[in-house]
Amino acid sequence: MARMLIRVDADLSDELLSAFPYLTSRRHRASTTLTGNIIDQEQLQGVLNLLSALGIDVVEVLTIPDD
């Protein structure tokens, strides 16, 4: 399991954010970051595929190092 940050080029609505209940969101001017624990590569790919299907551009994906 890895803690991940996914930044998208959109201000996601509450309805869209509800598709990612296991991720925490932070809204920024014209973008949103989603952070949370991603179990494996398959789950990460699922998140990225859903964002793509919703027409949301992913700006960056980062692994957050353990403290």
PDB file of N, CA and C in Angstrom:
ATOM      1  N   MET A   1       0.860  -1.172   0.000  1.00  0.00           N
ATOM      2  CA  MET A   1       0.000   0.000   0.000  1.00  0.00           C
ATOM      3  C   MET A   1       0.902   1.230   0.000  1.00  0.00           C
ATOM      4  N   ALA A   2       0.517   2.227  -0.775  1.00  0.00           N
ATOM      5  CA  ALA A   2       1.282   3.463  -0.858  1.00  0.00           C
ATOM      6  C   ALA A   2       0.344   4.650  -0.702  1.00  0.00           C
ATOM      7  N   ARG A   3       0.816   5.669  -0.034  1.00  0.00           N
ATOM      8  CA  ARG A   3       0.058   6.913   0.076  1.00  0.00           C
ATOM      9  C   ARG A   3       0.342   7.705  -1.187  1.00  0.00           C
ATOM     10  N   MET A   4      -0.727   8.130  -1.880  1.00  0.00           N
ATOM     11  CA  MET A   4      -0.585   8.792  -3.168  1.00  0.00           C
ATOM     12  C   MET A   4      -1.256  10.158  -3.155  1.00  0.00           C
ATOM     13  N   LEU A   5      -0.762  11.047  -4.000  1.00  0.00           N
ATOM     14  CA  LEU A   5      -1.387  12.337  -4.266  1.00  0.00           C
ATOM     15  C   LEU A   5      -1.648  12.392  -5.759  1.00  0.00           C
ATOM     16  N   ILE A   6      -2.879  12.705  -6.127  1.00  0.00           N
ATOM     17  CA  ILE A   6      -3.260  12.838  -7.533  1.00  0.00           C
ATOM     18  C   ILE A   6      -3.820  14.241  -7.728  1.00  0.00           C
ATOM     19  N   ARG A   7      -3.170  15.044  -8.570  1.00  0.00           N
ATOM     20  CA  ARG A   7      -3.629  16.408  -8.839  1.00  0.00           C
ATOM     21  C   ARG A   7      -4.321  16.420 -10.204  1.00  0.00           C
ATOM     22  N   VAL A   8      -5.519  16.980 -10.221  1.00  0.00           N
ATOM     23  CA  VAL A   8      -6.277  17.056 -11.472  1.00  0.00           C
ATOM     24  C   VAL A   8      -6.506  18.518 -11.840  1.00  0.00           C
ATOM     25  N   ASP A   9      -6.696  18.735 -13.113  1.00  0.00           N
ATOM     26  CA  ASP A   9      -6.871  20.081 -13.654  1.00  0.00           C
ATOM     27  C   ASP A   9      -8.351  20.433 -13.699  1.00  0.00           C
ATOM     28  N   ALA A  10      -8.995  20.403 -12.515  1.00  0.00           N
ATOM     29  CA  ALA A  10     -10.429  20.696 -12.441  1.00  0.00           C
ATOM     30  C   ALA A  10     -10.815  20.928 -10.988  1.00  0.00           C
ATOM     31  N   ASP A  11     -11.847  21.710 -10.794  1.00  0.00           N
ATOM     32  CA  ASP A  11     -12.444  21.884  -9.471  1.00  0.00           C
ATOM     33  C   ASP A  11     -13.587  20.879  -9.391  1.00  0.00           C
ATOM     34  N   LEU A  12     -13.338  19.737  -8.760  1.00  0.00           N
ATOM     35  CA  LEU A  12     -14.317  18.653  -8.750  1.00  0.00           C
ATOM     36  C   LEU A  12     -15.473  18.961  -7.816  1.00  0.00           C
ATOM     37  N   SER A  13     -16.669  18.673  -8.274  1.00  0.00           N
ATOM     38  CA  SER A  13     -17.875  18.875  -7.465  1.00  0.00           C
ATOM     39  C   SER A  13     -17.953  17.796  -6.389  1.00  0.00           C
ATOM     40  N   ASP A  14     -18.804  18.021  -5.400  1.00  0.00           N
ATOM     41  CA  ASP A  14     -19.018  17.025  -4.352  1.00  0.00           C
ATOM     42  C   ASP A  14     -19.514  15.709  -4.947  1.00  0.00           C
ATOM     43  N   GLU A  15     -20.350  15.805  -5.970  1.00  0.00           N
ATOM     44  CA  GLU A  15     -20.869  14.603  -6.621  1.00  0.00           C
ATOM     45  C   GLU A  15     -19.743  13.783  -7.245  1.00  0.00           C
ATOM     46  N   LEU A  16     -18.825  14.444  -7.950  1.00  0.00           N
ATOM     47  CA  LEU A  16     -17.693  13.728  -8.538  1.00  0.00           C
ATOM     48  C   LEU A  16     -16.772  13.177  -7.461  1.00  0.00           C
ATOM     49  N   LEU A  17     -16.549  13.943  -6.409  1.00  0.00           N
ATOM     50  CA  LEU A  17     -15.677  13.480  -5.339  1.00  0.00           C
ATOM     51  C   LEU A  17     -16.241  12.251  -4.634  1.00  0.00           C
ATOM     52  N   SER A  18     -17.551  12.090  -4.653  1.00  0.00           N
ATOM     53  CA  SER A  18     -18.157  10.926  -4.001  1.00  0.00           C
ATOM     54  C   SER A  18     -17.764   9.619  -4.699  1.00  0.00           C
ATOM     55  N   ALA A  19     -17.237   9.698  -5.911  1.00  0.00           N
ATOM     56  CA  ALA A  19     -16.759   8.509  -6.615  1.00  0.00           C
ATOM     57  C   ALA A  19     -15.445   7.994  -6.034  1.00  0.00           C
ATOM     58  N   PHE A  20     -14.818   8.784  -5.158  1.00  0.00           N
ATOM     59  CA  PHE A  20     -13.531   8.427  -4.564  1.00  0.00           C
ATOM     60  C   PHE A  20     -13.618   8.513  -3.037  1.00  0.00           C
ATOM     61  N   PRO A  21     -14.466   7.697  -2.402  1.00  0.00           N
ATOM     62  CA  PRO A  21     -14.706   7.831  -0.962  1.00  0.00           C
ATOM     63  C   PRO A  21     -13.481   7.536  -0.093  1.00  0.00           C
ATOM     64  N   TYR A  22     -12.509   6.825  -0.614  1.00  0.00           N
ATOM     65  CA  TYR A  22     -11.321   6.464   0.144  1.00  0.00           C
ATOM     66  C   TYR A  22     -10.184   7.471  -0.038  1.00  0.00           C
ATOM     67  N   LEU A  23     -10.441   8.559  -0.780  1.00  0.00           N
ATOM     68  CA  LEU A  23      -9.443   9.606  -0.980  1.00  0.00           C
ATOM     69  C   LEU A  23      -9.930  10.903  -0.360  1.00  0.00           C
ATOM     70  N   THR A  24      -9.012  11.664   0.178  1.00  0.00           N
ATOM     71  CA  THR A  24      -9.310  12.966   0.760  1.00  0.00           C
ATOM     72  C   THR A  24      -9.059  14.028  -0.296  1.00  0.00           C
ATOM     73  N   SER A  25      -9.979  14.976  -0.407  1.00  0.00           N
ATOM     74  CA  SER A  25      -9.823  16.014  -1.437  1.00  0.00           C
ATOM     75  C   SER A  25      -9.473  17.356  -0.814  1.00  0.00           C
ATOM     76  N   ARG A  26      -8.751  18.130  -1.575  1.00  0.00           N
ATOM     77  CA  ARG A  26      -8.467  19.529  -1.254  1.00  0.00           C
ATOM     78  C   ARG A  26      -8.638  20.316  -2.535  1.00  0.00           C
ATOM     79  N   ARG A  27      -9.462  21.327  -2.446  1.00  0.00           N
ATOM     80  CA  ARG A  27      -9.690  22.165  -3.628  1.00  0.00           C
ATOM     81  C   ARG A  27      -8.714  23.337  -3.621  1.00  0.00           C
ATOM     82  N   HIS A  28      -8.183  23.596  -4.774  1.00  0.00           N
ATOM     83  CA  HIS A  28      -7.274  24.714  -5.003  1.00  0.00           C
ATOM     84  C   HIS A  28      -7.854  25.515  -6.159  1.00  0.00           C
ATOM     85  N   ARG A  29      -7.330  26.669  -6.388  1.00  0.00           N
ATOM     86  CA  ARG A  29      -7.816  27.463  -7.517  1.00  0.00           C
ATOM     87  C   ARG A  29      -7.672  26.665  -8.809  1.00  0.00           C
ATOM     88  N   ALA A  30      -8.787  26.305  -9.403  1.00  0.00           N
ATOM     89  CA  ALA A  30      -8.878  25.603 -10.694  1.00  0.00           C
ATOM     90  C   ALA A  30      -8.240  24.210 -10.689  1.00  0.00           C
ATOM     91  N   SER A  31      -8.040  23.625  -9.511  1.00  0.00           N
ATOM     92  CA  SER A  31      -7.542  22.257  -9.466  1.00  0.00           C
ATOM     93  C   SER A  31      -7.973  21.606  -8.152  1.00  0.00           C
ATOM     94  N   THR A  32      -7.803  20.316  -8.085  1.00  0.00           N
ATOM     95  CA  THR A  32      -8.147  19.551  -6.891  1.00  0.00           C
ATOM     96  C   THR A  32      -7.063  18.508  -6.678  1.00  0.00           C
ATOM     97  N   THR A  33      -6.692  18.260  -5.426  1.00  0.00           N
ATOM     98  CA  THR A  33      -5.796  17.150  -5.131  1.00  0.00           C
ATOM     99  C   THR A  33      -6.573  16.090  -4.368  1.00  0.00           C
ATOM    100  N   LEU A  34      -6.304  14.864  -4.693  1.00  0.00           N
ATOM    101  CA  LEU A  34      -6.878  13.706  -4.021  1.00  0.00           C
ATOM    102  C   LEU A  34      -5.725  12.947  -3.370  1.00  0.00           C
ATOM    103  N   THR A  35      -5.822  12.671  -2.095  1.00  0.00           N
ATOM    104  CA  THR A  35      -4.777  11.923  -1.413  1.00  0.00           C
ATOM    105  C   THR A  35      -5.394  10.760  -0.653  1.00  0.00           C
ATOM    106  N   GLY A  36      -4.635   9.717  -0.532  1.00  0.00           N
ATOM    107  CA  GLY A  36      -5.095   8.569   0.226  1.00  0.00           C
ATOM    108  C   GLY A  36      -4.236   7.359  -0.038  1.00  0.00           C
ATOM    109  N   ASN A  37      -4.547   6.288   0.667  1.00  0.00           N
ATOM    110  CA  ASN A  37      -3.818   5.042   0.504  1.00  0.00           C
ATOM    111  C   ASN A  37      -4.384   4.264  -0.678  1.00  0.00           C
ATOM    112  N   ILE A  38      -3.500   3.910  -1.570  1.00  0.00           N
ATOM    113  CA  ILE A  38      -3.849   3.119  -2.744  1.00  0.00           C
ATOM    114  C   ILE A  38      -3.245   1.734  -2.526  1.00  0.00           C
ATOM    115  N   ILE A  39      -4.073   0.721  -2.592  1.00  0.00           N
ATOM    116  CA  ILE A  39      -3.650  -0.634  -2.247  1.00  0.00           C
ATOM    117  C   ILE A  39      -2.609  -1.186  -3.215  1.00  0.00           C
ATOM    118  N   ASP A  40      -2.862  -1.002  -4.517  1.00  0.00           N
ATOM    119  CA  ASP A  40      -1.951  -1.574  -5.504  1.00  0.00           C
ATOM    120  C   ASP A  40      -2.078  -0.826  -6.834  1.00  0.00           C
ATOM    121  N   GLN A  41      -1.291  -1.256  -7.790  1.00  0.00           N
ATOM    122  CA  GLN A  41      -1.271  -0.623  -9.110  1.00  0.00           C
ATOM    123  C   GLN A  41      -2.639  -0.705  -9.782  1.00  0.00           C
ATOM    124  N   GLU A  42      -3.357  -1.796  -9.565  1.00  0.00           N
ATOM    125  CA  GLU A  42      -4.677  -1.969 -10.160  1.00  0.00           C
ATOM    126  C   GLU A  42      -5.663  -0.918  -9.644  1.00  0.00           C
ATOM    127  N   GLN A  43      -5.623  -0.642  -8.351  1.00  0.00           N
ATOM    128  CA  GLN A  43      -6.527   0.373  -7.796  1.00  0.00           C
ATOM    129  C   GLN A  43      -6.154   1.757  -8.318  1.00  0.00           C
ATOM    130  N   LEU A  44      -4.867   2.064  -8.389  1.00  0.00           N
ATOM    131  CA  LEU A  44      -4.428   3.351  -8.931  1.00  0.00           C
ATOM    132  C   LEU A  44      -4.899   3.491 -10.375  1.00  0.00           C
ATOM    133  N   GLN A  45      -4.750   2.448 -11.165  1.00  0.00           N
ATOM    134  CA  GLN A  45      -5.181   2.503 -12.562  1.00  0.00           C
ATOM    135  C   GLN A  45      -6.685   2.703 -12.656  1.00  0.00           C
ATOM    136  N   GLY A  46      -7.430   2.111 -11.737  1.00  0.00           N
ATOM    137  CA  GLY A  46      -8.872   2.300 -11.707  1.00  0.00           C
ATOM    138  C   GLY A  46      -9.252   3.749 -11.461  1.00  0.00           C
ATOM    139  N   VAL A  47      -8.559   4.397 -10.519  1.00  0.00           N
ATOM    140  CA  VAL A  47      -8.804   5.815 -10.239  1.00  0.00           C
ATOM    141  C   VAL A  47      -8.489   6.653 -11.474  1.00  0.00           C
ATOM    142  N   LEU A  48      -7.334   6.400 -12.074  1.00  0.00           N
ATOM    143  CA  LEU A  48      -6.928   7.168 -13.253  1.00  0.00           C
ATOM    144  C   LEU A  48      -7.883   6.935 -14.427  1.00  0.00           C
ATOM    145  N   ASN A  49      -8.349   5.698 -14.601  1.00  0.00           N
ATOM    146  CA  ASN A  49      -9.306   5.402 -15.678  1.00  0.00           C
ATOM    147  C   ASN A  49     -10.628   6.120 -15.459  1.00  0.00           C
ATOM    148  N   LEU A  50     -11.103   6.156 -14.214  1.00  0.00           N
ATOM    149  CA  LEU A  50     -12.362   6.834 -13.923  1.00  0.00           C
ATOM    150  C   LEU A  50     -12.233   8.337 -14.166  1.00  0.00           C
ATOM    151  N   LEU A  51     -11.130   8.930 -13.736  1.00  0.00           N
ATOM    152  CA  LEU A  51     -10.914  10.356 -13.994  1.00  0.00           C
ATOM    153  C   LEU A  51     -10.905  10.628 -15.496  1.00  0.00           C
ATOM    154  N   SER A  52     -10.241   9.776 -16.253  1.00  0.00           N
ATOM    155  CA  SER A  52     -10.192   9.934 -17.709  1.00  0.00           C
ATOM    156  C   SER A  52     -11.582   9.801 -18.318  1.00  0.00           C
ATOM    157  N   ALA A  53     -12.351   8.815 -17.860  1.00  0.00           N
ATOM    158  CA  ALA A  53     -13.701   8.609 -18.379  1.00  0.00           C
ATOM    159  C   ALA A  53     -14.610   9.800 -18.094  1.00  0.00           C
ATOM    160  N   LEU A  54     -14.326  10.511 -16.992  1.00  0.00           N
ATOM    161  CA  LEU A  54     -15.097  11.696 -16.630  1.00  0.00           C
ATOM    162  C   LEU A  54     -14.598  12.944 -17.363  1.00  0.00           C
ATOM    163  N   GLY A  55     -13.552  12.792 -18.181  1.00  0.00           N
ATOM    164  CA  GLY A  55     -13.010  13.916 -18.941  1.00  0.00           C
ATOM    165  C   GLY A  55     -12.153  14.845 -18.097  1.00  0.00           C
ATOM    166  N   ILE A  56     -11.586  14.323 -17.012  1.00  0.00           N
ATOM    167  CA  ILE A  56     -10.779  15.136 -16.096  1.00  0.00           C
ATOM    168  C   ILE A  56      -9.306  14.838 -16.356  1.00  0.00           C
ATOM    169  N   ASP A  57      -8.540  15.895 -16.639  1.00  0.00           N
ATOM    170  CA  ASP A  57      -7.116  15.751 -16.910  1.00  0.00           C
ATOM    171  C   ASP A  57      -6.336  15.597 -15.613  1.00  0.00           C
ATOM    172  N   VAL A  58      -5.477  14.586 -15.559  1.00  0.00           N
ATOM    173  CA  VAL A  58      -4.582  14.381 -14.421  1.00  0.00           C
ATOM    174  C   VAL A  58      -3.304  15.158 -14.697  1.00  0.00           C
ATOM    175  N   VAL A  59      -2.932  16.001 -13.735  1.00  0.00           N
ATOM    176  CA  VAL A  59      -1.740  16.839 -13.890  1.00  0.00           C
ATOM    177  C   VAL A  59      -0.500  16.124 -13.338  1.00  0.00           C
ATOM    178  N   GLU A  60      -0.642  15.462 -12.174  1.00  0.00           N
ATOM    179  CA  GLU A  60       0.485  14.736 -11.616  1.00  0.00           C
ATOM    180  C   GLU A  60      -0.003  13.653 -10.659  1.00  0.00           C
ATOM    181  N   VAL A  61       0.836  12.649 -10.520  1.00  0.00           N
ATOM    182  CA  VAL A  61       0.602  11.558  -9.583  1.00  0.00           C
ATOM    183  C   VAL A  61       1.901  11.374  -8.808  1.00  0.00           C
ATOM    184  N   LEU A  62       1.835  11.474  -7.491  1.00  0.00           N
ATOM    185  CA  LEU A  62       3.024  11.359  -6.656  1.00  0.00           C
ATOM    186  C   LEU A  62       2.820  10.323  -5.572  1.00  0.00           C
ATOM    187  N   THR A  63       3.887   9.617  -5.241  1.00  0.00           N
ATOM    188  CA  THR A  63       3.894   8.767  -4.061  1.00  0.00           C
ATOM    189  C   THR A  63       4.386   9.623  -2.903  1.00  0.00           C
ATOM    190  N   ILE A  64       3.626   9.638  -1.810  1.00  0.00           N
ATOM    191  CA  ILE A  64       4.009  10.403  -0.628  1.00  0.00           C
ATOM    192  C   ILE A  64       4.832   9.499   0.270  1.00  0.00           C
ATOM    193  N   PRO A  65       6.074   9.860   0.546  1.00  0.00           N
ATOM    194  CA  PRO A  65       6.938   8.988   1.366  1.00  0.00           C
ATOM    195  C   PRO A  65       6.407   8.877   2.796  1.00  0.00           C
ATOM    196  N   ASP A  66       6.642   7.718   3.399  1.00  0.00           N
ATOM    197  CA  ASP A  66       6.288   7.533   4.813  1.00  0.00           C
ATOM    198  C   ASP A  66       7.182   8.416   5.662  1.00  0.00           C
ATOM    199  N   ASP A  67       6.601   8.916   6.746  1.00  0.00           N
ATOM    200  CA  ASP A  67       7.405   9.767   7.659  1.00  0.00           C
ATOM    201  C   ASP A  67       8.310   8.937   8.524  1.00  0.00           C
TER     202      ASP A  67
END
